[in-house]
C-alpha cells in the first residue's frame, strides 16, 4: 500500500483504552490530570480545552472570544462556515483573501483581536509566514498546528483529532487562560490520550518530493499543472493538477491498486466538491476539479517513486481516453 494522503487521512491505529484513563467520582484522578498537564506544557500553554472541530464548535468559540476577528480564506471548511454564520449574526469579522499563487494577501491583515490563520493553506499546503502576520497585526493568532506542531508565533493552538488520529474524537485547544476553565469531567480525556500518541508518531518525509516531481513531470509532460509553486509548500507535500479530468476519477482508480491520494481536505475518495481553496485563488470550478494533493510519510525508494509516477500517468491517460 502506498499512502500519500496522510495529512488528511492518517494511518489509523487500534485504540487502547484501560481503566487508568477513566475518571472516577470522589477521587482526585491524579494520573489523568498529570498527563493532561504534561501534554499542554510540552507546547508551553497554561490551559487545555477539548471541543468539536465543526461549524458549531467554532461558532461557539467565536462567540466566546468576542471582539474583531479576521479569518484566512485558506482555513478548514468548518472555520469558514462558522465565520460566515458569525457574520450573519451581525458580528465584526472579515476574511483575508488568497492570491492566484496561493499565498494569503498579507496587505489585508490589520488590527484586530483575533486571527484564525494556520501555518499552511488547506488543500495546497502553501506555507504561511506567521512571523510576518505577527508583525502586521496585534491580534492573537489562532492556528491549526496539526501538521507542524510549531507554536512559536501562535497564541492559541488547535490540534485536529481526525487529521491526527483518523477518529472523530473531540479536538484540542491549547491557550493561556483565554477561554473559561474546562472542568476535568467535561474534557474528552480519550481524545487527549489519542492525539498525544498521534503527535508522538507523526512523521513527514521531505526527501521524496523533488524526485517524485521530476518523475511525474517526465511521465505526464504538459498535461500536469502546478496551481502553486512546489517550493512554497510544506516540504513533505506536493500539489498539482492533471488537466482535463476530474480528480475523483483517478483517485478511485488508484485506490483499487492500493495507492491513496486526495484532492483536498476531506476528499480522499473524491466524493466531495472541488477545492474551495483553489476557487478562492481565482480558478474556475472545472480547473479546481483537476487537483491532487500528496503528502509523504512512508519510506520509499527510487523504484517506488518511479512506479508511482508511471502508474499515475498510466491511469491518467486511461481516464482521459475513456472520457473521450
C-alpha atoms as a PDB file:
ATOM      1  CA  UNK A   1       0.000   0.000   0.000  1.00  0.00           C
ATOM      2  CA  UNK A   2       1.226   3.498  -0.877  1.00  0.00           C
ATOM      3  CA  UNK A   3      -0.396   6.022   1.431  1.00  0.00           C
ATOM      4  CA  UNK A   4       0.181   9.505   0.012  1.00  0.00           C
ATOM      5  CA  UNK A   5      -2.649  11.288   1.845  1.00  0.00           C
ATOM      6  CA  UNK A   6      -1.562  11.047   5.478  1.00  0.00           C
ATOM      7  CA  UNK A   7      -2.101  14.744   6.276  1.00  0.00           C
ATOM      8  CA  UNK A   8      -5.836  14.398   5.678  1.00  0.00           C
ATOM      9  CA  UNK A   9      -6.226  10.719   6.474  1.00  0.00           C
ATOM     10  CA  UNK A  10      -3.640   9.358   8.916  1.00  0.00           C
ATOM     11  CA  UNK A  11      -2.907   5.707   9.426  1.00  0.00           C
ATOM     12  CA  UNK A  12      -5.486   4.556  11.942  1.00  0.00           C
ATOM     13  CA  UNK A  13      -4.237   2.596  14.934  1.00  0.00           C
ATOM     14  CA  UNK A  14      -6.236   0.433  17.305  1.00  0.00           C
ATOM     15  CA  UNK A  15      -7.414   2.429  20.311  1.00  0.00           C
ATOM     16  CA  UNK A  16      -6.071   1.122  23.598  1.00  0.00           C
ATOM     17  CA  UNK A  17      -8.368   2.075  26.475  1.00  0.00           C
ATOM     18  CA  UNK A  18      -7.868   0.861  30.037  1.00  0.00           C
ATOM     19  CA  UNK A  19      -9.238   1.835  33.423  1.00  0.00           C
ATOM     20  CA  UNK A  20      -6.284   4.143  34.170  1.00  0.00           C
ATOM     21  CA  UNK A  21      -7.739   6.590  31.629  1.00  0.00           C
ATOM     22  CA  UNK A  22     -11.160   6.691  33.274  1.00  0.00           C
ATOM     23  CA  UNK A  23     -12.419   9.405  35.619  1.00  0.00           C
ATOM     24  CA  UNK A  24     -13.733   8.228  38.967  1.00  0.00           C
ATOM     25  CA  UNK A  25     -16.101  10.046  41.295  1.00  0.00           C
ATOM     26  CA  UNK A  26     -14.803  11.085  44.712  1.00  0.00           C
ATOM     27  CA  UNK A  27     -11.184  10.665  43.592  1.00  0.00           C
ATOM     28  CA  UNK A  28      -8.595  13.205  42.542  1.00  0.00           C
ATOM     29  CA  UNK A  29      -7.814  11.437  39.240  1.00  0.00           C
ATOM     30  CA  UNK A  30      -4.145  12.350  39.586  1.00  0.00           C
ATOM     31  CA  UNK A  31      -2.931  10.200  36.671  1.00  0.00           C
ATOM     32  CA  UNK A  32      -5.236  11.840  34.123  1.00  0.00           C
ATOM     33  CA  UNK A  33      -4.598  15.352  35.415  1.00  0.00           C
ATOM     34  CA  UNK A  34      -0.834  14.805  35.344  1.00  0.00           C
ATOM     35  CA  UNK A  35      -0.991  13.525  31.769  1.00  0.00           C
ATOM     36  CA  UNK A  36      -3.026  16.499  30.564  1.00  0.00           C
ATOM     37  CA  UNK A  37      -0.690  18.930  32.329  1.00  0.00           C
ATOM     38  CA  UNK A  38       2.381  17.288  30.800  1.00  0.00           C
ATOM     39  CA  UNK A  39       0.834  17.398  27.330  1.00  0.00           C
ATOM     40  CA  UNK A  40      -0.075  21.103  27.398  1.00  0.00           C
ATOM     41  CA  UNK A  41       3.275  22.053  28.939  1.00  0.00           C
ATOM     42  CA  UNK A  42       5.011  20.244  26.069  1.00  0.00           C
ATOM     43  CA  UNK A  43       3.668  23.045  23.870  1.00  0.00           C
ATOM     44  CA  UNK A  44       4.157  25.743  26.518  1.00  0.00           C
ATOM     45  CA  UNK A  45       0.498  26.525  27.281  1.00  0.00           C
ATOM     46  CA  UNK A  46      -1.236  27.023  30.617  1.00  0.00           C
ATOM     47  CA  UNK A  47      -4.651  25.642  29.643  1.00  0.00           C
ATOM     48  CA  UNK A  48      -6.222  22.852  27.581  1.00  0.00           C
ATOM     49  CA  UNK A  49      -9.820  22.528  26.410  1.00  0.00           C
ATOM     50  CA  UNK A  50     -11.428  19.969  24.132  1.00  0.00           C
ATOM     51  CA  UNK A  51     -14.058  20.967  21.579  1.00  0.00           C
ATOM     52  CA  UNK A  52     -15.861  19.893  18.408  1.00  0.00           C
ATOM     53  CA  UNK A  53     -13.884  20.678  15.226  1.00  0.00           C
ATOM     54  CA  UNK A  54     -17.072  21.652  13.393  1.00  0.00           C
ATOM     55  CA  UNK A  55     -19.077  24.673  12.330  1.00  0.00           C
ATOM     56  CA  UNK A  56     -20.936  24.665  15.654  1.00  0.00           C
ATOM     57  CA  UNK A  57     -17.744  24.188  17.633  1.00  0.00           C
ATOM     58  CA  UNK A  58     -16.010  27.144  16.002  1.00  0.00           C
ATOM     59  CA  UNK A  59     -19.086  29.355  16.113  1.00  0.00           C
ATOM     60  CA  UNK A  60     -19.272  28.752  19.856  1.00  0.00           C
ATOM     61  CA  UNK A  61     -15.574  29.625  20.104  1.00  0.00           C
ATOM     62  CA  UNK A  62     -16.016  32.864  18.162  1.00  0.00           C
ATOM     63  CA  UNK A  63     -18.985  33.896  20.299  1.00  0.00           C
ATOM     64  CA  UNK A  64     -16.931  33.390  23.446  1.00  0.00           C
ATOM     65  CA  UNK A  65     -13.954  35.332  22.072  1.00  0.00           C
ATOM     66  CA  UNK A  66     -15.899  38.433  21.005  1.00  0.00           C
ATOM     67  CA  UNK A  67     -14.070  41.407  19.501  1.00  0.00           C
ATOM     68  CA  UNK A  68     -12.950  41.885  15.892  1.00  0.00           C
ATOM     69  CA  UNK A  69     -11.934  38.668  14.117  1.00  0.00           C
ATOM     70  CA  UNK A  70     -10.015  38.046  10.877  1.00  0.00           C
ATOM     71  CA  UNK A  71     -10.156  34.662   9.132  1.00  0.00           C
ATOM     72  CA  UNK A  72      -7.837  33.395   6.418  1.00  0.00           C
ATOM     73  CA  UNK A  73      -9.746  32.044   3.408  1.00  0.00           C
ATOM     74  CA  UNK A  74      -7.267  29.164   3.420  1.00  0.00           C
ATOM     75  CA  UNK A  75      -8.595  27.667   6.639  1.00  0.00           C
ATOM     76  CA  UNK A  76     -10.622  24.481   7.131  1.00  0.00           C
ATOM     77  CA  UNK A  77     -14.194  24.463   5.874  1.00  0.00           C
ATOM     78  CA  UNK A  78     -15.562  24.229   9.423  1.00  0.00           C
ATOM     79  CA  UNK A  79     -13.896  27.541  10.314  1.00  0.00           C
ATOM     80  CA  UNK A  80     -15.125  29.222   7.128  1.00  0.00           C
ATOM     81  CA  UNK A  81     -18.691  28.026   7.740  1.00  0.00           C
ATOM     82  CA  UNK A  82     -18.582  29.246  11.335  1.00  0.00           C
ATOM     83  CA  UNK A  83     -17.170  32.622  10.253  1.00  0.00           C
ATOM     84  CA  UNK A  84     -19.987  33.094   7.749  1.00  0.00           C
ATOM     85  CA  UNK A  85     -22.562  32.248  10.419  1.00  0.00           C
ATOM     86  CA  UNK A  86     -20.845  34.642  12.855  1.00  0.00           C
ATOM     87  CA  UNK A  87     -21.012  37.394  10.225  1.00  0.00           C
ATOM     88  CA  UNK A  88     -24.697  36.729   9.556  1.00  0.00           C
ATOM     89  CA  UNK A  89     -25.334  37.274  13.250  1.00  0.00           C
ATOM     90  CA  UNK A  90     -24.010  40.796  12.801  1.00  0.00           C
ATOM     91  CA  UNK A  91     -20.608  40.457  14.454  1.00  0.00           C
ATOM     92  CA  UNK A  92     -17.387  42.095  13.254  1.00  0.00           C
ATOM     93  CA  UNK A  93     -15.483  39.593  11.125  1.00  0.00           C
ATOM     94  CA  UNK A  94     -13.521  39.848   7.871  1.00  0.00           C
ATOM     95  CA  UNK A  95     -11.822  37.383   5.543  1.00  0.00           C
ATOM     96  CA  UNK A  96      -8.227  37.526   4.314  1.00  0.00           C
ATOM     97  CA  UNK A  97      -8.271  36.549   0.630  1.00  0.00           C
ATOM     98  CA  UNK A  98      -5.864  34.324  -1.304  1.00  0.00           C
ATOM     99  CA  UNK A  99      -3.752  35.368  -4.266  1.00  0.00           C
ATOM    100  CA  UNK A 100      -3.576  33.460  -7.556  1.00  0.00           C
ATOM    101  CA  UNK A 101      -0.242  31.943  -6.464  1.00  0.00           C
ATOM    102  CA  UNK A 102      -1.854  30.502  -3.339  1.00  0.00           C
ATOM    103  CA  UNK A 103      -0.379  32.886  -0.770  1.00  0.00           C
ATOM    104  CA  UNK A 104      -2.554  34.961   1.517  1.00  0.00           C
ATOM    105  CA  UNK A 105      -2.939  38.677   0.873  1.00  0.00           C
ATOM    106  CA  UNK A 106      -0.755  39.937   3.698  1.00  0.00           C
ATOM    107  CA  UNK A 107      -1.770  43.521   2.923  1.00  0.00           C
ATOM    108  CA  UNK A 108      -5.293  42.675   4.130  1.00  0.00           C
ATOM    109  CA  UNK A 109      -4.031  41.868   7.616  1.00  0.00           C
ATOM    110  CA  UNK A 110      -4.936  44.659  10.012  1.00  0.00           C
ATOM    111  CA  UNK A 111      -5.525  45.459  13.639  1.00  0.00           C
ATOM    112  CA  UNK A 112      -7.944  43.063  15.251  1.00  0.00           C
ATOM    113  CA  UNK A 113      -8.469  40.987  18.368  1.00  0.00           C
ATOM    114  CA  UNK A 114      -8.074  37.504  16.879  1.00  0.00           C
ATOM    115  CA  UNK A 115      -6.884  35.963  13.601  1.00  0.00           C
ATOM    116  CA  UNK A 116      -7.733  32.428  12.507  1.00  0.00           C
ATOM    117  CA  UNK A 117      -4.690  31.630  10.377  1.00  0.00           C
ATOM    118  CA  UNK A 118      -2.657  28.429  10.265  1.00  0.00           C
ATOM    119  CA  UNK A 119       0.925  27.740   9.228  1.00  0.00           C
ATOM    120  CA  UNK A 120      -0.225  26.419   5.851  1.00  0.00           C
ATOM    121  CA  UNK A 121      -3.168  26.740   3.462  1.00  0.00           C
ATOM    122  CA  UNK A 122      -5.550  23.782   3.402  1.00  0.00           C
ATOM    123  CA  UNK A 123      -5.533  21.666   0.199  1.00  0.00           C
ATOM    124  CA  UNK A 124      -2.469  23.296  -1.398  1.00  0.00           C
ATOM    125  CA  UNK A 125      -0.116  23.148   1.639  1.00  0.00           C
ATOM    126  CA  UNK A 126       1.323  26.605   0.815  1.00  0.00           C
ATOM    127  CA  UNK A 127       3.230  27.823   3.876  1.00  0.00           C
ATOM    128  CA  UNK A 128       2.055  30.926   5.721  1.00  0.00           C
ATOM    129  CA  UNK A 129       4.587  33.299   7.287  1.00  0.00           C
ATOM    130  CA  UNK A 130       3.134  33.621  10.787  1.00  0.00           C
ATOM    131  CA  UNK A 131       6.060  35.775  11.887  1.00  0.00           C
ATOM    132  CA  UNK A 132       5.031  38.309   9.246  1.00  0.00           C
ATOM    133  CA  UNK A 133       1.394  38.046  10.343  1.00  0.00           C
ATOM    134  CA  UNK A 134       2.515  38.776  13.892  1.00  0.00           C
ATOM    135  CA  UNK A 135       4.344  41.891  12.718  1.00  0.00           C
ATOM    136  CA  UNK A 136       1.334  43.173  10.770  1.00  0.00           C
ATOM    137  CA  UNK A 137      -1.284  42.781  13.481  1.00  0.00           C
ATOM    138  CA  UNK A 138      -1.581  42.773  17.242  1.00  0.00           C
ATOM    139  CA  UNK A 139      -4.371  40.194  17.104  1.00  0.00           C
ATOM    140  CA  UNK A 140      -3.970  36.857  18.858  1.00  0.00           C
ATOM    141  CA  UNK A 141      -3.152  34.164  16.270  1.00  0.00           C
ATOM    142  CA  UNK A 142      -5.349  31.044  16.381  1.00  0.00           C
ATOM    143  CA  UNK A 143      -3.559  28.356  14.387  1.00  0.00           C
ATOM    144  CA  UNK A 144      -4.183  24.727  13.466  1.00  0.00           C
ATOM    145  CA  UNK A 145      -0.817  23.136  14.303  1.00  0.00           C
ATOM    146  CA  UNK A 146      -1.773  19.592  13.303  1.00  0.00           C
ATOM    147  CA  UNK A 147       0.847  19.401  10.536  1.00  0.00           C
ATOM    148  CA  UNK A 148       3.807  21.083  12.220  1.00  0.00           C
ATOM    149  CA  UNK A 149       3.204  21.395  15.983  1.00  0.00           C
ATOM    150  CA  UNK A 150       5.012  24.733  15.757  1.00  0.00           C
ATOM    151  CA  UNK A 151       3.658  27.218  18.298  1.00  0.00           C
ATOM    152  CA  UNK A 152       6.385  29.882  18.038  1.00  0.00           C
ATOM    153  CA  UNK A 153       4.075  32.579  16.622  1.00  0.00           C
ATOM    154  CA  UNK A 154       0.826  31.067  17.823  1.00  0.00           C
ATOM    155  CA  UNK A 155      -1.277  32.384  20.729  1.00  0.00           C
ATOM    156  CA  UNK A 156      -3.992  29.738  20.587  1.00  0.00           C
ATOM    157  CA  UNK A 157      -3.210  26.330  19.072  1.00  0.00           C
ATOM    158  CA  UNK A 158      -5.644  23.809  17.613  1.00  0.00           C
ATOM    159  CA  UNK A 159      -4.990  20.083  17.281  1.00  0.00           C
ATOM    160  CA  UNK A 160      -7.497  18.443  14.945  1.00  0.00           C
ATOM    161  CA  UNK A 161      -8.404  14.920  16.010  1.00  0.00           C
ATOM    162  CA  UNK A 162      -9.491  13.485  12.662  1.00  0.00           C
ATOM    163  CA  UNK A 163      -6.362  14.579  10.809  1.00  0.00           C
ATOM    164  CA  UNK A 164      -4.157  13.206  13.570  1.00  0.00           C
ATOM    165  CA  UNK A 165      -5.929  10.013  14.627  1.00  0.00           C
ATOM    166  CA  UNK A 166      -8.452   9.186  11.903  1.00  0.00           C
ATOM    167  CA  UNK A 167     -11.238   9.219  14.513  1.00  0.00           C
ATOM    168  CA  UNK A 168     -13.821  11.919  15.160  1.00  0.00           C
ATOM    169  CA  UNK A 169     -12.878  12.495  18.772  1.00  0.00           C
ATOM    170  CA  UNK A 170     -13.013  15.955  20.232  1.00  0.00           C
ATOM    171  CA  UNK A 171     -10.177  18.214  19.134  1.00  0.00           C
ATOM    172  CA  UNK A 172      -7.883  20.235  21.406  1.00  0.00           C
ATOM    173  CA  UNK A 173      -7.463  23.948  22.100  1.00  0.00           C
ATOM    174  CA  UNK A 174      -4.217  24.981  23.797  1.00  0.00           C
ATOM    175  CA  UNK A 175      -4.281  28.504  25.229  1.00  0.00           C
ATOM    176  CA  UNK A 176      -3.155  30.766  28.040  1.00  0.00           C
ATOM    177  CA  UNK A 177      -6.357  31.218  30.014  1.00  0.00           C
ATOM    178  CA  UNK A 178      -8.198  32.814  27.074  1.00  0.00           C
ATOM    179  CA  UNK A 179     -11.229  30.558  27.477  1.00  0.00           C
ATOM    180  CA  UNK A 180     -13.074  29.564  30.616  1.00  0.00           C
ATOM    181  CA  UNK A 181     -11.502  26.703  32.529  1.00  0.00           C
ATOM    182  CA  UNK A 182     -12.941  23.374  31.465  1.00  0.00           C
ATOM    183  CA  UNK A 183     -13.645  21.023  34.341  1.00  0.00           C
ATOM    184  CA  UNK A 184     -11.888  17.685  34.120  1.00  0.00           C
ATOM    185  CA  UNK A 185     -15.200  15.855  33.814  1.00  0.00           C
ATOM    186  CA  UNK A 186     -16.037  17.777  30.613  1.00  0.00           C
ATOM    187  CA  UNK A 187     -12.655  17.210  28.952  1.00  0.00           C
ATOM    188  CA  UNK A 188     -12.581  14.399  26.376  1.00  0.00           C
ATOM    189  CA  UNK A 189      -9.690  12.583  28.039  1.00  0.00           C
ATOM    190  CA  UNK A 190      -9.566   9.777  25.469  1.00  0.00           C
ATOM    191  CA  UNK A 191      -9.111  12.404  22.758  1.00  0.00           C
ATOM    192  CA  UNK A 192      -6.172  13.889  24.670  1.00  0.00           C
ATOM    193  CA  UNK A 193      -4.504  10.489  25.034  1.00  0.00           C
ATOM    194  CA  UNK A 194      -5.004   9.540  21.384  1.00  0.00           C
ATOM    195  CA  UNK A 195      -3.962  12.935  19.996  1.00  0.00           C
ATOM    196  CA  UNK A 196      -0.859  12.793  22.189  1.00  0.00           C
ATOM    197  CA  UNK A 197       0.010   9.378  20.711  1.00  0.00           C
ATOM    198  CA  UNK A 198      -0.552  10.750  17.196  1.00  0.00           C
ATOM    199  CA  UNK A 199       1.725  13.730  17.855  1.00  0.00           C
ATOM    200  CA  UNK A 200       4.463  11.383  19.058  1.00  0.00           C
ATOM    201  CA  UNK A 201       4.223   9.186  15.954  1.00  0.00           C
ATOM    202  CA  UNK A 202       3.746  11.962  13.366  1.00  0.00           C
ATOM    203  CA  UNK A 203       6.296  11.800  10.564  1.00  0.00           C
ATOM    204  CA  UNK A 204       6.553  13.724   7.316  1.00  0.00           C
ATOM    205  CA  UNK A 205       9.378  12.774   4.946  1.00  0.00           C
ATOM    206  CA  UNK A 206      10.699  15.632   2.810  1.00  0.00           C
ATOM    207  CA  UNK A 207      13.385  13.969   0.674  1.00  0.00           C
ATOM    208  CA  UNK A 208      10.940  12.348  -1.795  1.00  0.00           C
ATOM    209  CA  UNK A 209       9.248  15.494  -3.026  1.00  0.00           C
ATOM    210  CA  UNK A 210      11.726  16.671  -5.668  1.00  0.00           C
ATOM    211  CA  UNK A 211      12.420  13.191  -7.004  1.00  0.00           C
ATOM    212  CA  UNK A 212       8.713  12.445  -7.329  1.00  0.00           C
ATOM    213  CA  UNK A 213       8.106  15.791  -9.033  1.00  0.00           C
ATOM    214  CA  UNK A 214      10.878  15.101 -11.535  1.00  0.00           C
ATOM    215  CA  UNK A 215       9.409  11.681 -12.357  1.00  0.00           C
ATOM    216  CA  UNK A 216       5.796  12.826 -12.673  1.00  0.00           C
ATOM    217  CA  UNK A 217       6.805  15.797 -14.832  1.00  0.00           C
ATOM    218  CA  UNK A 218       8.634  13.450 -17.207  1.00  0.00           C
ATOM    219  CA  UNK A 219       5.747  10.976 -17.371  1.00  0.00           C
ATOM    220  CA  UNK A 220       2.887  13.469 -17.850  1.00  0.00           C
ATOM    221  CA  UNK A 221       4.596  16.407 -19.543  1.00  0.00           C
ATOM    222  CA  UNK A 222       2.455  19.396 -20.490  1.00  0.00           C
ATOM    223  CA  UNK A 223      -0.703  17.835 -19.034  1.00  0.00           C
ATOM    224  CA  UNK A 224       0.463  18.495 -15.474  1.00  0.00           C
ATOM    225  CA  UNK A 225      -0.401  21.849 -13.949  1.00  0.00           C
ATOM    226  CA  UNK A 226       1.029  23.386 -10.780  1.00  0.00           C
ATOM    227  CA  UNK A 227      -1.506  25.653  -9.111  1.00  0.00           C
ATOM    228  CA  UNK A 228       1.166  26.676  -6.601  1.00  0.00           C
ATOM    229  CA  UNK A 229       4.965  26.685  -6.598  1.00  0.00           C
ATOM    230  CA  UNK A 230       6.097  23.370  -5.049  1.00  0.00           C
ATOM    231  CA  UNK A 231       8.914  25.226  -3.300  1.00  0.00           C
ATOM    232  CA  UNK A 232       6.297  27.236  -1.379  1.00  0.00           C
ATOM    233  CA  UNK A 233       4.559  24.232   0.188  1.00  0.00           C
ATOM    234  CA  UNK A 234       5.297  22.088   3.232  1.00  0.00           C
ATOM    235  CA  UNK A 235       8.484  20.111   2.495  1.00  0.00           C
ATOM    236  CA  UNK A 236       6.804  16.697   2.568  1.00  0.00           C
ATOM    237  CA  UNK A 237       3.872  17.651   0.294  1.00  0.00           C
ATOM    238  CA  UNK A 238       3.158  18.146  -3.409  1.00  0.00           C
ATOM    239  CA  UNK A 239       0.109  19.705  -5.038  1.00  0.00           C
ATOM    240  CA  UNK A 240      -0.685  19.676  -8.761  1.00  0.00           C
ATOM    241  CA  UNK A 241      -3.455  19.201 -11.296  1.00  0.00           C
ATOM    242  CA  UNK A 242      -3.948  16.734 -14.143  1.00  0.00           C
ATOM    243  CA  UNK A 243      -5.592  18.614 -16.977  1.00  0.00           C
ATOM    244  CA  UNK A 244      -8.901  17.578 -18.466  1.00  0.00           C
ATOM    245  CA  UNK A 245     -10.123  15.037 -15.891  1.00  0.00           C
ATOM    246  CA  UNK A 246     -11.902  15.078 -12.553  1.00  0.00           C
ATOM    247  CA  UNK A 247      -9.525  14.131  -9.754  1.00  0.00           C
ATOM    248  CA  UNK A 248     -12.105  11.835  -8.151  1.00  0.00           C
ATOM    249  CA  UNK A 249     -11.901   9.533 -11.193  1.00  0.00           C
ATOM    250  CA  UNK A 250      -8.193   8.898 -10.862  1.00  0.00           C
ATOM    251  CA  UNK A 251      -8.358   8.794  -7.037  1.00  0.00           C
ATOM    252  CA  UNK A 252     -10.835   5.920  -7.186  1.00  0.00           C
ATOM    253  CA  UNK A 253      -8.844   4.111  -9.873  1.00  0.00           C
ATOM    254  CA  UNK A 254      -5.581   4.423  -7.952  1.00  0.00           C
ATOM    255  CA  UNK A 255      -7.191   3.215  -4.721  1.00  0.00           C
ATOM    256  CA  UNK A 256      -8.006  -0.097  -6.408  1.00  0.00           C
ATOM    257  CA  UNK A 257      -4.244  -0.581  -6.669  1.00  0.00           C
ATOM    258  CA  UNK A 258      -3.641   0.479  -3.060  1.00  0.00           C
ATOM    259  CA  UNK A 259      -2.326   3.924  -3.981  1.00  0.00           C
ATOM    260  CA  UNK A 260      -4.042   6.588  -1.894  1.00  0.00           C
ATOM    261  CA  UNK A 261      -4.020  10.274  -2.774  1.00  0.00           C
ATOM    262  CA  UNK A 262      -6.513  13.075  -2.144  1.00  0.00           C
ATOM    263  CA  UNK A 263      -7.990  16.060  -3.956  1.00  0.00           C
ATOM    264  CA  UNK A 264      -8.145  18.190  -0.839  1.00  0.00           C
ATOM    265  CA  UNK A 265      -9.434  18.398   2.671  1.00  0.00           C
ATOM    266  CA  UNK A 266     -11.988  15.740   3.483  1.00  0.00           C
ATOM    267  CA  UNK A 267     -11.999  14.337  -0.054  1.00  0.00           C
ATOM    268  CA  UNK A 268      -9.756  11.265  -0.249  1.00  0.00           C
ATOM    269  CA  UNK A 269     -12.400   9.334  -2.154  1.00  0.00           C
ATOM    270  CA  UNK A 270     -13.135  12.251  -4.442  1.00  0.00           C
ATOM    271  CA  UNK A 271     -16.750  12.333  -3.391  1.00  0.00           C
ATOM    272  CA  UNK A 272     -16.877  15.956  -2.322  1.00  0.00           C
ATOM    273  CA  UNK A 273     -16.950  19.276  -4.108  1.00  0.00           C
ATOM    274  CA  UNK A 274     -13.923  20.648  -5.983  1.00  0.00           C
ATOM    275  CA  UNK A 275     -11.390  22.509  -3.879  1.00  0.00           C
ATOM    276  CA  UNK A 276     -12.879  25.637  -2.355  1.00  0.00           C
ATOM    277  CA  UNK A 277      -9.342  26.913  -1.750  1.00  0.00           C
ATOM    278  CA  UNK A 278      -8.449  26.837  -5.463  1.00  0.00           C
ATOM    279  CA  UNK A 279     -11.631  28.718  -6.264  1.00  0.00           C
ATOM    280  CA  UNK A 280     -10.714  31.275  -3.600  1.00  0.00           C
ATOM    281  CA  UNK A 281      -7.428  31.678  -5.509  1.00  0.00           C
ATOM    282  CA  UNK A 282      -9.381  32.556  -8.652  1.00  0.00           C
ATOM    283  CA  UNK A 283      -9.562  29.243 -10.518  1.00  0.00           C
ATOM    284  CA  UNK A 284     -12.745  28.098 -12.247  1.00  0.00           C
ATOM    285  CA  UNK A 285     -14.642  25.121 -10.865  1.00  0.00           C
ATOM    286  CA  UNK A 286     -13.623  22.898 -13.783  1.00  0.00           C
ATOM    287  CA  UNK A 287      -9.925  23.662 -13.185  1.00  0.00           C
ATOM    288  CA  UNK A 288     -10.311  23.092  -9.447  1.00  0.00           C
ATOM    289  CA  UNK A 289     -11.503  19.567 -10.191  1.00  0.00           C
ATOM    290  CA  UNK A 290      -8.072  18.654 -11.620  1.00  0.00           C
ATOM    291  CA  UNK A 291      -6.268  18.963  -8.301  1.00  0.00           C
ATOM    292  CA  UNK A 292      -4.389  16.201  -6.490  1.00  0.00           C
ATOM    293  CA  UNK A 293      -2.624  16.565  -3.154  1.00  0.00           C
ATOM    294  CA  UNK A 294       0.147  14.251  -1.987  1.00  0.00           C
ATOM    295  CA  UNK A 295       1.862  14.013   1.393  1.00  0.00           C
ATOM    296  CA  UNK A 296       4.795  11.671   2.088  1.00  0.00           C
ATOM    297  CA  UNK A 297       5.157   9.791   5.367  1.00  0.00           C
ATOM    298  CA  UNK A 298       6.235   6.252   4.428  1.00  0.00           C
ATOM    299  CA  UNK A 299       9.675   5.031   3.361  1.00  0.00           C
ATOM    300  CA  UNK A 300      10.080   4.930  -0.433  1.00  0.00           C
ATOM    301  CA  UNK A 301      12.975   4.154  -2.717  1.00  0.00           C
ATOM    302  CA  UNK A 302      13.654   5.340  -6.264  1.00  0.00           C
ATOM    303  CA  UNK A 303      11.918   2.294  -7.731  1.00  0.00           C
ATOM    304  CA  UNK A 304       8.794   3.019  -5.677  1.00  0.00           C
ATOM    305  CA  UNK A 305       8.761   6.650  -6.757  1.00  0.00           C
ATOM    306  CA  UNK A 306       9.181   5.779 -10.435  1.00  0.00           C
ATOM    307  CA  UNK A 307       6.469   3.123 -10.148  1.00  0.00           C
ATOM    308  CA  UNK A 308       4.075   5.612  -8.556  1.00  0.00           C
ATOM    309  CA  UNK A 309       4.744   8.270 -11.201  1.00  0.00           C
ATOM    310  CA  UNK A 310       4.306   5.803 -14.070  1.00  0.00           C
ATOM    311  CA  UNK A 311       1.121   4.344 -12.543  1.00  0.00           C
ATOM    312  CA  UNK A 312      -0.459   7.752 -12.007  1.00  0.00           C
ATOM    313  CA  UNK A 313       0.444   8.725 -15.580  1.00  0.00           C
ATOM    314  CA  UNK A 314      -0.969   5.472 -16.963  1.00  0.00           C
ATOM    315  CA  UNK A 315      -4.231   5.783 -15.042  1.00  0.00           C
ATOM    316  CA  UNK A 316      -4.495   9.438 -16.091  1.00  0.00           C
ATOM    317  CA  UNK A 317      -4.201   8.548 -19.781  1.00  0.00           C
ATOM    318  CA  UNK A 318      -6.752   5.748 -19.367  1.00  0.00           C
ATOM    319  CA  UNK A 319      -9.287   8.016 -17.662  1.00  0.00           C
ATOM    320  CA  UNK A 320      -8.745  10.734 -20.233  1.00  0.00           C
ATOM    321  CA  UNK A 321      -9.205   8.264 -23.113  1.00  0.00           C
ATOM    322  CA  UNK A 322     -12.408   6.861 -21.576  1.00  0.00           C
ATOM    323  CA  UNK A 323     -13.755  10.373 -21.248  1.00  0.00           C
ATOM    324  CA  UNK A 324     -13.276  10.795 -24.980  1.00  0.00           C
END
